[in-house]
Amino acid sequence: MTIKQNDDHWYRQILPASTNRKPGLAFYLTQSHRRLKGGMGLFGIMAMALACVAPASWAGPVTLPVGLAPGSTYRLAFVTAGGWSATSANIADYNTEVNTEANSVAALQALGATWSVIGSTATVSAISNVGQDPGVPIYNLAGQLVADDATTTYATGLFGQSTYTSLFSPIDYNESGVKTDGYVWTGSNADGSSAGYALGTTGAHIYCIDGFSGSTAGLSGANWIAYSDYGDLTAGNHLYGISGVLTVPAATPEPATTATMGLGLAVLCLAVQRRKRASKVV
């Protein structure tokens, strides 16, 4: 039986006469696949389109925030997934720990960045350890703006928060881009200076809860860095890590743009094949 491919009701010529309802999606896909012999076929085209779309939906750390122009600079901050003790008085130990966690993720390792702990020992303050870099914005690993830079500028700087201000977004995504809430060792005051109970000191110790959505405890004021002043130094709390200054590379197509182009090409191929087949029908 000849199938008229330019007939909107071609399915009626295939289904039994007793069928009173239109076929479902599976029927159309099956018949369309049979009609596209000699080419890639509908399923092949769909597979190509899905291959283009899939990377855009992959979940992971955002290493290049949206909206930054090529050549502009920025920094990334995260909270470690793992827990660490705070018994060492050597800031280098904590820097090593955040570098270890960051470089365990291929996307972050590829940046070639040096990571520093946002924390203070008695001899090295957080603000001096991470560097202020005025005018260089800081983002978390969900691509959200955290602060305008690592200065003490009131309300907009990482170390410029008070009772009446807060970070633009909390540092609550770990190195894998997964939201992580919990206590974070900092040993620091709100302005990034070393607290009375800094990392590695004996007795009580300052730790904090990292910011998280919908909670004033984690985001309001300076709670992100100086929430409480007691704790067991051997407890496995999180650490904050921040990258050195990164530079946006030359413009490249965004994943979503590439996916759209691929899908458009797939649809175009399908349309061309359908037209060719239709022209051959007797």
C-alpha atoms as a PDB file:
ATOM      1  CA  MET A   1       0.000   0.000   0.000  1.00  0.00           C
ATOM      2  CA  THR A   2       1.358   3.400  -0.946  1.00  0.00           C
ATOM      3  CA  ILE A   3       1.657   5.896   1.878  1.00  0.00           C
ATOM      4  CA  LYS A   4       0.950   9.468   0.919  1.00  0.00           C
ATOM      5  CA  GLN A   5       3.491  11.319   3.027  1.00  0.00           C
ATOM      6  CA  ASN A   6       2.004  14.702   2.207  1.00  0.00           C
ATOM      7  CA  ASP A   7      -1.397  13.626   3.531  1.00  0.00           C
ATOM      8  CA  ASP A   8      -2.063  14.751   7.123  1.00  0.00           C
ATOM      9  CA  HIS A   9      -4.160  11.642   7.635  1.00  0.00           C
ATOM     10  CA  TRP A  10      -1.743   9.084   6.217  1.00  0.00           C
ATOM     11  CA  TYR A  11      -2.020   7.067   9.407  1.00  0.00           C
ATOM     12  CA  ARG A  12      -5.570   6.076   8.442  1.00  0.00           C
ATOM     13  CA  GLN A  13      -4.149   4.093   5.514  1.00  0.00           C
ATOM     14  CA  ILE A  14      -2.050   1.956   7.873  1.00  0.00           C
ATOM     15  CA  LEU A  15      -4.273   1.415  10.907  1.00  0.00           C
ATOM     16  CA  PRO A  16      -7.068  -1.151  10.774  1.00  0.00           C
ATOM     17  CA  ALA A  17     -10.443   0.197   9.730  1.00  0.00           C
ATOM     18  CA  SER A  18     -11.810  -0.590  13.177  1.00  0.00           C
ATOM     19  CA  THR A  19      -9.480   1.938  14.766  1.00  0.00           C
ATOM     20  CA  ASN A  20     -11.429   5.039  15.732  1.00  0.00           C
ATOM     21  CA  ARG A  21      -8.758   7.020  17.466  1.00  0.00           C
ATOM     22  CA  LYS A  22      -5.552   8.653  16.389  1.00  0.00           C
ATOM     23  CA  PRO A  23      -2.334   6.772  17.176  1.00  0.00           C
ATOM     24  CA  GLY A  24       0.005   7.769  19.977  1.00  0.00           C
ATOM     25  CA  LEU A  25       3.506   9.198  19.827  1.00  0.00           C
ATOM     26  CA  ALA A  26       5.176   5.787  19.657  1.00  0.00           C
ATOM     27  CA  PHE A  27       3.227   4.973  16.472  1.00  0.00           C
ATOM     28  CA  TYR A  28       4.285   8.188  14.748  1.00  0.00           C
ATOM     29  CA  LEU A  29       7.937   7.694  15.724  1.00  0.00           C
ATOM     30  CA  THR A  30       7.952   4.109  14.467  1.00  0.00           C
ATOM     31  CA  GLN A  31       6.302   4.905  11.146  1.00  0.00           C
ATOM     32  CA  SER A  32       8.412   8.030  10.612  1.00  0.00           C
ATOM     33  CA  HIS A  33      11.542   5.983  11.207  1.00  0.00           C
ATOM     34  CA  ARG A  34      10.460   3.467   8.545  1.00  0.00           C
ATOM     35  CA  ARG A  35       9.740   6.245   6.075  1.00  0.00           C
ATOM     36  CA  LEU A  36      13.197   7.801   6.417  1.00  0.00           C
ATOM     37  CA  LYS A  37      15.155   4.927   4.868  1.00  0.00           C
ATOM     38  CA  GLY A  38      18.537   5.611   3.363  1.00  0.00           C
ATOM     39  CA  GLY A  39      19.388   8.468   5.717  1.00  0.00           C
ATOM     40  CA  MET A  40      20.116   9.087   9.329  1.00  0.00           C
ATOM     41  CA  GLY A  41      16.454   8.549  10.282  1.00  0.00           C
ATOM     42  CA  LEU A  42      14.370  10.243  12.884  1.00  0.00           C
ATOM     43  CA  PHE A  43      15.907   8.370  15.784  1.00  0.00           C
ATOM     44  CA  GLY A  44      19.398   9.193  14.593  1.00  0.00           C
ATOM     45  CA  ILE A  45      18.497  12.853  14.360  1.00  0.00           C
ATOM     46  CA  MET A  46      16.938  12.776  17.827  1.00  0.00           C
ATOM     47  CA  ALA A  47      20.066  11.127  19.210  1.00  0.00           C
ATOM     48  CA  MET A  48      22.228  13.869  17.685  1.00  0.00           C
ATOM     49  CA  ALA A  49      20.003  16.562  19.180  1.00  0.00           C
ATOM     50  CA  LEU A  50      20.049  14.944  22.608  1.00  0.00           C
ATOM     51  CA  ALA A  51      23.825  14.639  22.445  1.00  0.00           C
ATOM     52  CA  CYS A  52      24.004  18.402  21.966  1.00  0.00           C
ATOM     53  CA  VAL A  53      21.533  19.176  24.723  1.00  0.00           C
ATOM     54  CA  ALA A  54      22.814  16.786  27.392  1.00  0.00           C
ATOM     55  CA  PRO A  55      26.029  18.685  28.303  1.00  0.00           C
ATOM     56  CA  ALA A  56      24.040  21.853  28.965  1.00  0.00           C
ATOM     57  CA  SER A  57      22.019  20.142  31.678  1.00  0.00           C
ATOM     58  CA  TRP A  58      24.978  18.494  33.408  1.00  0.00           C
ATOM     59  CA  ALA A  59      25.264  19.524  37.053  1.00  0.00           C
ATOM     60  CA  GLY A  60      28.641  20.561  38.431  1.00  0.00           C
ATOM     61  CA  PRO A  61      30.596  23.570  39.678  1.00  0.00           C
ATOM     62  CA  VAL A  62      30.114  26.763  37.699  1.00  0.00           C
ATOM     63  CA  THR A  63      33.619  27.965  36.909  1.00  0.00           C
ATOM     64  CA  LEU A  64      32.675  30.811  34.566  1.00  0.00           C
ATOM     65  CA  PRO A  65      29.772  32.956  35.826  1.00  0.00           C
ATOM     66  CA  VAL A  66      27.328  34.177  33.201  1.00  0.00           C
ATOM     67  CA  GLY A  67      27.626  37.764  32.011  1.00  0.00           C
ATOM     68  CA  LEU A  68      31.369  38.327  32.428  1.00  0.00           C
ATOM     69  CA  ALA A  69      33.063  39.839  29.384  1.00  0.00           C
ATOM     70  CA  PRO A  70      36.197  38.261  27.877  1.00  0.00           C
ATOM     71  CA  GLY A  71      39.290  39.608  29.609  1.00  0.00           C
ATOM     72  CA  SER A  72      37.500  40.537  32.843  1.00  0.00           C
ATOM     73  CA  THR A  73      38.686  39.105  36.153  1.00  0.00           C
ATOM     74  CA  TYR A  74      36.899  37.269  38.947  1.00  0.00           C
ATOM     75  CA  ARG A  75      37.404  34.850  41.841  1.00  0.00           C
ATOM     76  CA  LEU A  76      35.593  31.708  42.983  1.00  0.00           C
ATOM     77  CA  ALA A  77      34.798  30.654  46.548  1.00  0.00           C
ATOM     78  CA  PHE A  78      33.475  27.371  47.900  1.00  0.00           C
ATOM     79  CA  VAL A  79      32.914  25.456  51.128  1.00  0.00           C
ATOM     80  CA  THR A  80      34.669  22.110  51.376  1.00  0.00           C
ATOM     81  CA  ALA A  81      32.600  18.945  51.257  1.00  0.00           C
ATOM     82  CA  GLY A  82      34.964  17.259  53.686  1.00  0.00           C
ATOM     83  CA  GLY A  83      35.477  18.025  57.347  1.00  0.00           C
ATOM     84  CA  TRP A  84      38.808  19.081  58.815  1.00  0.00           C
ATOM     85  CA  SER A  85      40.215  19.639  62.282  1.00  0.00           C
ATOM     86  CA  ALA A  86      41.526  23.033  63.391  1.00  0.00           C
ATOM     87  CA  THR A  87      44.458  21.935  65.519  1.00  0.00           C
ATOM     88  CA  SER A  88      47.246  23.295  63.307  1.00  0.00           C
ATOM     89  CA  ALA A  89      48.584  26.811  63.875  1.00  0.00           C
ATOM     90  CA  ASN A  90      50.185  26.839  60.403  1.00  0.00           C
ATOM     91  CA  ILE A  91      48.037  28.568  57.760  1.00  0.00           C
ATOM     92  CA  ALA A  92      49.830  26.585  55.025  1.00  0.00           C
ATOM     93  CA  ASP A  93      48.159  23.398  56.277  1.00  0.00           C
ATOM     94  CA  TYR A  94      44.694  24.826  55.696  1.00  0.00           C
ATOM     95  CA  ASN A  95      45.692  26.212  52.299  1.00  0.00           C
ATOM     96  CA  THR A  96      46.844  22.730  51.350  1.00  0.00           C
ATOM     97  CA  GLU A  97      43.546  21.244  52.474  1.00  0.00           C
ATOM     98  CA  VAL A  98      41.370  23.543  50.341  1.00  0.00           C
ATOM     99  CA  ASN A  99      43.699  23.037  47.352  1.00  0.00           C
ATOM    100  CA  THR A 100      43.388  19.280  47.782  1.00  0.00           C
ATOM    101  CA  GLU A 101      39.605  19.419  47.707  1.00  0.00           C
ATOM    102  CA  ALA A 102      39.428  21.886  44.824  1.00  0.00           C
ATOM    103  CA  ASN A 103      41.850  19.907  42.661  1.00  0.00           C
ATOM    104  CA  SER A 104      39.926  16.684  43.276  1.00  0.00           C
ATOM    105  CA  VAL A 105      37.375  18.041  40.776  1.00  0.00           C
ATOM    106  CA  ALA A 106      38.511  18.120  37.144  1.00  0.00           C
ATOM    107  CA  ALA A 107      36.645  21.345  36.323  1.00  0.00           C
ATOM    108  CA  LEU A 108      38.430  23.222  39.107  1.00  0.00           C
ATOM    109  CA  GLN A 109      41.793  21.598  38.515  1.00  0.00           C
ATOM    110  CA  ALA A 110      41.590  22.726  34.884  1.00  0.00           C
ATOM    111  CA  LEU A 111      41.570  26.349  36.033  1.00  0.00           C
ATOM    112  CA  GLY A 112      45.140  26.019  37.260  1.00  0.00           C
ATOM    113  CA  ALA A 113      44.244  28.236  40.213  1.00  0.00           C
ATOM    114  CA  THR A 114      45.860  28.519  43.610  1.00  0.00           C
ATOM    115  CA  TRP A 115      43.290  28.244  46.391  1.00  0.00           C
ATOM    116  CA  SER A 116      43.537  29.837  49.825  1.00  0.00           C
ATOM    117  CA  VAL A 117      41.587  29.193  52.986  1.00  0.00           C
ATOM    118  CA  ILE A 118      39.366  32.018  54.214  1.00  0.00           C
ATOM    119  CA  GLY A 119      40.647  31.565  57.720  1.00  0.00           C
ATOM    120  CA  SER A 120      43.034  32.996  60.285  1.00  0.00           C
ATOM    121  CA  THR A 121      45.733  31.662  62.555  1.00  0.00           C
ATOM    122  CA  ALA A 122      47.191  33.766  65.359  1.00  0.00           C
ATOM    123  CA  THR A 123      49.927  35.034  63.035  1.00  0.00           C
ATOM    124  CA  VAL A 124      48.201  35.185  59.627  1.00  0.00           C
ATOM    125  CA  SER A 125      44.798  36.824  59.133  1.00  0.00           C
ATOM    126  CA  ALA A 126      42.201  35.668  56.615  1.00  0.00           C
ATOM    127  CA  ILE A 127      42.219  38.975  54.750  1.00  0.00           C
ATOM    128  CA  SER A 128      46.004  38.867  54.298  1.00  0.00           C
ATOM    129  CA  ASN A 129      45.977  35.166  53.399  1.00  0.00           C
ATOM    130  CA  VAL A 130      43.458  35.512  50.562  1.00  0.00           C
ATOM    131  CA  GLY A 131      44.462  38.977  49.320  1.00  0.00           C
ATOM    132  CA  GLN A 132      41.962  41.800  48.878  1.00  0.00           C
ATOM    133  CA  ASP A 133      42.196  42.387  45.096  1.00  0.00           C
ATOM    134  CA  PRO A 134      39.921  45.470  45.015  1.00  0.00           C
ATOM    135  CA  GLY A 135      37.357  45.469  42.224  1.00  0.00           C
ATOM    136  CA  VAL A 136      37.604  41.732  41.503  1.00  0.00           C
ATOM    137  CA  PRO A 137      34.175  40.145  42.148  1.00  0.00           C
ATOM    138  CA  ILE A 138      33.778  36.862  44.005  1.00  0.00           C
ATOM    139  CA  TYR A 139      31.309  34.154  42.972  1.00  0.00           C
ATOM    140  CA  ASN A 140      30.266  30.871  44.558  1.00  0.00           C
ATOM    141  CA  LEU A 141      30.292  27.635  42.544  1.00  0.00           C
ATOM    142  CA  ALA A 142      26.668  28.080  41.536  1.00  0.00           C
ATOM    143  CA  GLY A 143      27.685  31.186  39.584  1.00  0.00           C
ATOM    144  CA  GLN A 144      26.126  33.574  42.121  1.00  0.00           C
ATOM    145  CA  LEU A 145      27.801  36.852  43.128  1.00  0.00           C
ATOM    146  CA  VAL A 146      29.037  36.691  46.725  1.00  0.00           C
ATOM    147  CA  ALA A 147      30.791  40.049  47.103  1.00  0.00           C
ATOM    148  CA  ASP A 148      32.259  42.798  44.951  1.00  0.00           C
ATOM    149  CA  ASP A 149      35.760  41.910  46.164  1.00  0.00           C
ATOM    150  CA  ALA A 150      37.663  40.673  49.222  1.00  0.00           C
ATOM    151  CA  THR A 151      37.996  44.084  50.863  1.00  0.00           C
ATOM    152  CA  THR A 152      36.440  45.532  54.001  1.00  0.00           C
ATOM    153  CA  THR A 153      34.246  47.911  51.996  1.00  0.00           C
ATOM    154  CA  TYR A 154      31.008  48.305  53.914  1.00  0.00           C
ATOM    155  CA  ALA A 155      28.173  46.049  52.689  1.00  0.00           C
ATOM    156  CA  THR A 156      29.807  45.053  49.378  1.00  0.00           C
ATOM    157  CA  GLY A 157      33.203  43.669  50.406  1.00  0.00           C
ATOM    158  CA  LEU A 158      33.665  40.096  51.593  1.00  0.00           C
ATOM    159  CA  PHE A 159      34.960  41.381  54.925  1.00  0.00           C
ATOM    160  CA  GLY A 160      32.668  44.405  55.092  1.00  0.00           C
ATOM    161  CA  GLN A 161      29.558  42.834  56.613  1.00  0.00           C
ATOM    162  CA  SER A 162      27.895  43.985  59.803  1.00  0.00           C
ATOM    163  CA  THR A 163      24.632  43.542  61.677  1.00  0.00           C
ATOM    164  CA  TYR A 164      22.726  45.403  58.964  1.00  0.00           C
ATOM    165  CA  THR A 165      24.339  43.910  55.837  1.00  0.00           C
ATOM    166  CA  SER A 166      25.005  40.511  54.339  1.00  0.00           C
ATOM    167  CA  LEU A 167      26.785  38.822  51.460  1.00  0.00           C
ATOM    168  CA  PHE A 168      24.970  39.016  48.136  1.00  0.00           C
ATOM    169  CA  SER A 169      24.889  35.201  48.083  1.00  0.00           C
ATOM    170  CA  PRO A 170      26.230  32.685  50.611  1.00  0.00           C
ATOM    171  CA  ILE A 171      29.288  30.520  50.067  1.00  0.00           C
ATOM    172  CA  ASP A 172      27.332  27.299  50.379  1.00  0.00           C
ATOM    173  CA  TYR A 173      28.307  25.200  47.362  1.00  0.00           C
ATOM    174  CA  ASN A 174      31.137  22.703  47.666  1.00  0.00           C
ATOM    175  CA  GLU A 175      33.840  21.883  45.135  1.00  0.00           C
ATOM    176  CA  SER A 176      31.473  19.617  43.194  1.00  0.00           C
ATOM    177  CA  GLY A 177      28.812  22.309  42.934  1.00  0.00           C
ATOM    178  CA  VAL A 178      26.597  20.646  45.553  1.00  0.00           C
ATOM    179  CA  LYS A 179      24.835  22.776  48.157  1.00  0.00           C
ATOM    180  CA  THR A 180      26.488  22.149  51.514  1.00  0.00           C
ATOM    181  CA  ASP A 181      25.352  23.593  54.837  1.00  0.00           C
ATOM    182  CA  GLY A 182      27.194  23.295  58.122  1.00  0.00           C
ATOM    183  CA  TYR A 183      29.752  24.736  60.495  1.00  0.00           C
ATOM    184  CA  VAL A 184      32.951  26.158  58.984  1.00  0.00           C
ATOM    185  CA  TRP A 185      36.264  26.788  60.749  1.00  0.00           C
ATOM    186  CA  THR A 186      37.471  30.364  60.198  1.00  0.00           C
ATOM    187  CA  GLY A 187      39.213  31.659  63.337  1.00  0.00           C
ATOM    188  CA  SER A 188      38.356  35.138  62.066  1.00  0.00           C
ATOM    189  CA  ASN A 189      36.521  38.325  62.900  1.00  0.00           C
ATOM    190  CA  ALA A 190      34.054  39.925  60.489  1.00  0.00           C
ATOM    191  CA  ASP A 191      36.753  42.192  59.033  1.00  0.00           C
ATOM    192  CA  GLY A 192      38.995  39.235  58.214  1.00  0.00           C
ATOM    193  CA  SER A 193      41.397  39.795  61.109  1.00  0.00           C
ATOM    194  CA  SER A 194      42.534  36.995  63.411  1.00  0.00           C
ATOM    195  CA  ALA A 195      40.081  36.337  66.215  1.00  0.00           C
ATOM    196  CA  GLY A 196      41.033  35.775  69.807  1.00  0.00           C
ATOM    197  CA  TYR A 197      40.573  32.077  69.237  1.00  0.00           C
ATOM    198  CA  ALA A 198      42.170  31.635  65.833  1.00  0.00           C
ATOM    199  CA  LEU A 199      42.876  28.397  64.009  1.00  0.00           C
ATOM    200  CA  GLY A 200      45.282  26.255  65.995  1.00  0.00           C
ATOM    201  CA  THR A 201      44.908  28.036  69.318  1.00  0.00           C
ATOM    202  CA  THR A 202      44.068  26.171  72.491  1.00  0.00           C
ATOM    203  CA  GLY A 203      40.807  26.350  74.397  1.00  0.00           C
ATOM    204  CA  ALA A 204      37.670  27.729  72.775  1.00  0.00           C
ATOM    205  CA  HIS A 205      37.700  28.409  69.084  1.00  0.00           C
ATOM    206  CA  ILE A 206      35.739  30.534  66.653  1.00  0.00           C
ATOM    207  CA  TYR A 207      33.844  28.664  63.990  1.00  0.00           C
ATOM    208  CA  CYS A 208      30.919  29.643  61.846  1.00  0.00           C
ATOM    209  CA  ILE A 209      27.987  28.272  59.979  1.00  0.00           C
ATOM    210  CA  ASP A 210      28.195  28.714  56.238  1.00  0.00           C
ATOM    211  CA  GLY A 211      25.450  30.713  54.587  1.00  0.00           C
ATOM    212  CA  PHE A 212      22.513  28.901  53.091  1.00  0.00           C
ATOM    213  CA  SER A 213      19.297  29.877  51.357  1.00  0.00           C
ATOM    214  CA  GLY A 214      16.377  30.891  53.538  1.00  0.00           C
ATOM    215  CA  SER A 215      18.335  31.141  56.772  1.00  0.00           C
ATOM    216  CA  THR A 216      19.285  34.350  58.559  1.00  0.00           C
ATOM    217  CA  ALA A 217      21.753  32.372  60.671  1.00  0.00           C
ATOM    218  CA  GLY A 218      24.003  31.539  57.767  1.00  0.00           C
ATOM    219  CA  LEU A 219      23.758  34.667  55.637  1.00  0.00           C
ATOM    220  CA  SER A 220      22.762  37.613  57.804  1.00  0.00           C
ATOM    221  CA  GLY A 221      25.498  40.006  58.822  1.00  0.00           C
ATOM    222  CA  ALA A 222      28.902  38.475  59.576  1.00  0.00           C
ATOM    223  CA  ASN A 223      27.486  35.105  60.589  1.00  0.00           C
ATOM    224  CA  TRP A 224      29.050  33.503  57.533  1.00  0.00           C
ATOM    225  CA  ILE A 225      32.475  33.994  59.102  1.00  0.00           C
ATOM    226  CA  ALA A 226      31.972  34.634  62.829  1.00  0.00           C
ATOM    227  CA  TYR A 227      28.895  32.796  64.035  1.00  0.00           C
ATOM    228  CA  SER A 228      30.061  31.254  67.313  1.00  0.00           C
ATOM    229  CA  ASP A 229      33.123  31.304  69.542  1.00  0.00           C
ATOM    230  CA  TYR A 230      33.353  27.813  70.926  1.00  0.00           C
ATOM    231  CA  GLY A 231      34.011  24.312  69.654  1.00  0.00           C
ATOM    232  CA  ASP A 232      36.236  21.254  69.734  1.00  0.00           C
ATOM    233  CA  LEU A 233      39.374  21.806  67.620  1.00  0.00           C
ATOM    234  CA  THR A 234      39.333  18.159  66.568  1.00  0.00           C
ATOM    235  CA  ALA A 235      35.787  18.384  65.224  1.00  0.00           C
ATOM    236  CA  GLY A 236      35.474  17.799  61.486  1.00  0.00           C
ATOM    237  CA  ASN A 237      34.055  21.108  60.322  1.00  0.00           C
ATOM    238  CA  HIS A 238      34.172  22.555  56.812  1.00  0.00           C
ATOM    239  CA  LEU A 239      36.591  25.163  55.453  1.00  0.00           C
ATOM    240  CA  TYR A 240      36.085  28.022  53.010  1.00  0.00           C
ATOM    241  CA  GLY A 241      38.363  28.146  49.987  1.00  0.00           C
ATOM    242  CA  ILE A 242      38.855  30.998  47.523  1.00  0.00           C
ATOM    243  CA  SER A 243      40.747  31.070  44.241  1.00  0.00           C
ATOM    244  CA  GLY A 244      43.351  33.511  43.078  1.00  0.00           C
ATOM    245  CA  VAL A 245      42.339  35.983  40.383  1.00  0.00           C
ATOM    246  CA  LEU A 246      40.965  34.274  37.253  1.00  0.00           C
ATOM    247  CA  THR A 247      40.566  35.817  33.797  1.00  0.00           C
ATOM    248  CA  VAL A 248      37.629  35.214  31.459  1.00  0.00           C
ATOM    249  CA  PRO A 249      38.952  33.642  28.227  1.00  0.00           C
ATOM    250  CA  ALA A 250      38.098  34.720  24.695  1.00  0.00           C
ATOM    251  CA  ALA A 251      34.421  34.405  23.841  1.00  0.00           C
ATOM    252  CA  THR A 252      33.198  30.852  23.173  1.00  0.00           C
ATOM    253  CA  PRO A 253      29.668  29.568  22.465  1.00  0.00           C
ATOM    254  CA  GLU A 254      27.773  28.808  25.654  1.00  0.00           C
ATOM    255  CA  PRO A 255      26.594  25.183  26.099  1.00  0.00           C
ATOM    256  CA  ALA A 256      22.965  26.243  25.739  1.00  0.00           C
ATOM    257  CA  THR A 257      23.753  28.042  22.473  1.00  0.00           C
ATOM    258  CA  THR A 258      25.577  25.003  21.105  1.00  0.00           C
ATOM    259  CA  ALA A 259      22.675  22.763  22.070  1.00  0.00           C
ATOM    260  CA  THR A 260      20.187  25.047  20.342  1.00  0.00           C
ATOM    261  CA  MET A 261      22.292  25.085  17.175  1.00  0.00           C
ATOM    262  CA  GLY A 262      22.521  21.302  17.214  1.00  0.00           C
ATOM    263  CA  LEU A 263      18.811  20.884  17.694  1.00  0.00           C
ATOM    264  CA  GLY A 264      18.106  23.354  14.897  1.00  0.00           C
ATOM    265  CA  LEU A 265      20.420  21.445  12.557  1.00  0.00           C
ATOM    266  CA  ALA A 266      18.671  18.191  13.451  1.00  0.00           C
ATOM    267  CA  VAL A 267      15.269  19.653  12.642  1.00  0.00           C
ATOM    268  CA  LEU A 268      16.582  21.032   9.350  1.00  0.00           C
ATOM    269  CA  CYS A 269      17.966  17.633   8.355  1.00  0.00           C
ATOM    270  CA  LEU A 270      14.665  15.995   9.181  1.00  0.00           C
ATOM    271  CA  ALA A 271      12.750  18.537   7.090  1.00  0.00           C
ATOM    272  CA  VAL A 272      15.045  18.037   4.089  1.00  0.00           C
ATOM    273  CA  GLN A 273      14.715  14.263   4.238  1.00  0.00           C
ATOM    274  CA  ARG A 274      10.948  14.440   4.540  1.00  0.00           C
ATOM    275  CA  ARG A 275      10.770  16.723   1.491  1.00  0.00           C
ATOM    276  CA  LYS A 276      12.962  14.398  -0.558  1.00  0.00           C
ATOM    277  CA  ARG A 277      10.899  11.357   0.362  1.00  0.00           C
ATOM    278  CA  ALA A 278       7.644  13.142  -0.322  1.00  0.00           C
ATOM    279  CA  SER A 279       8.782  14.096  -3.817  1.00  0.00           C
ATOM    280  CA  LYS A 280       9.369  10.412  -4.650  1.00  0.00           C
ATOM    281  CA  VAL A 281       5.891   9.189  -3.646  1.00  0.00           C
ATOM    282  CA  VAL A 282       3.783   8.117  -6.588  1.00  0.00           C
END
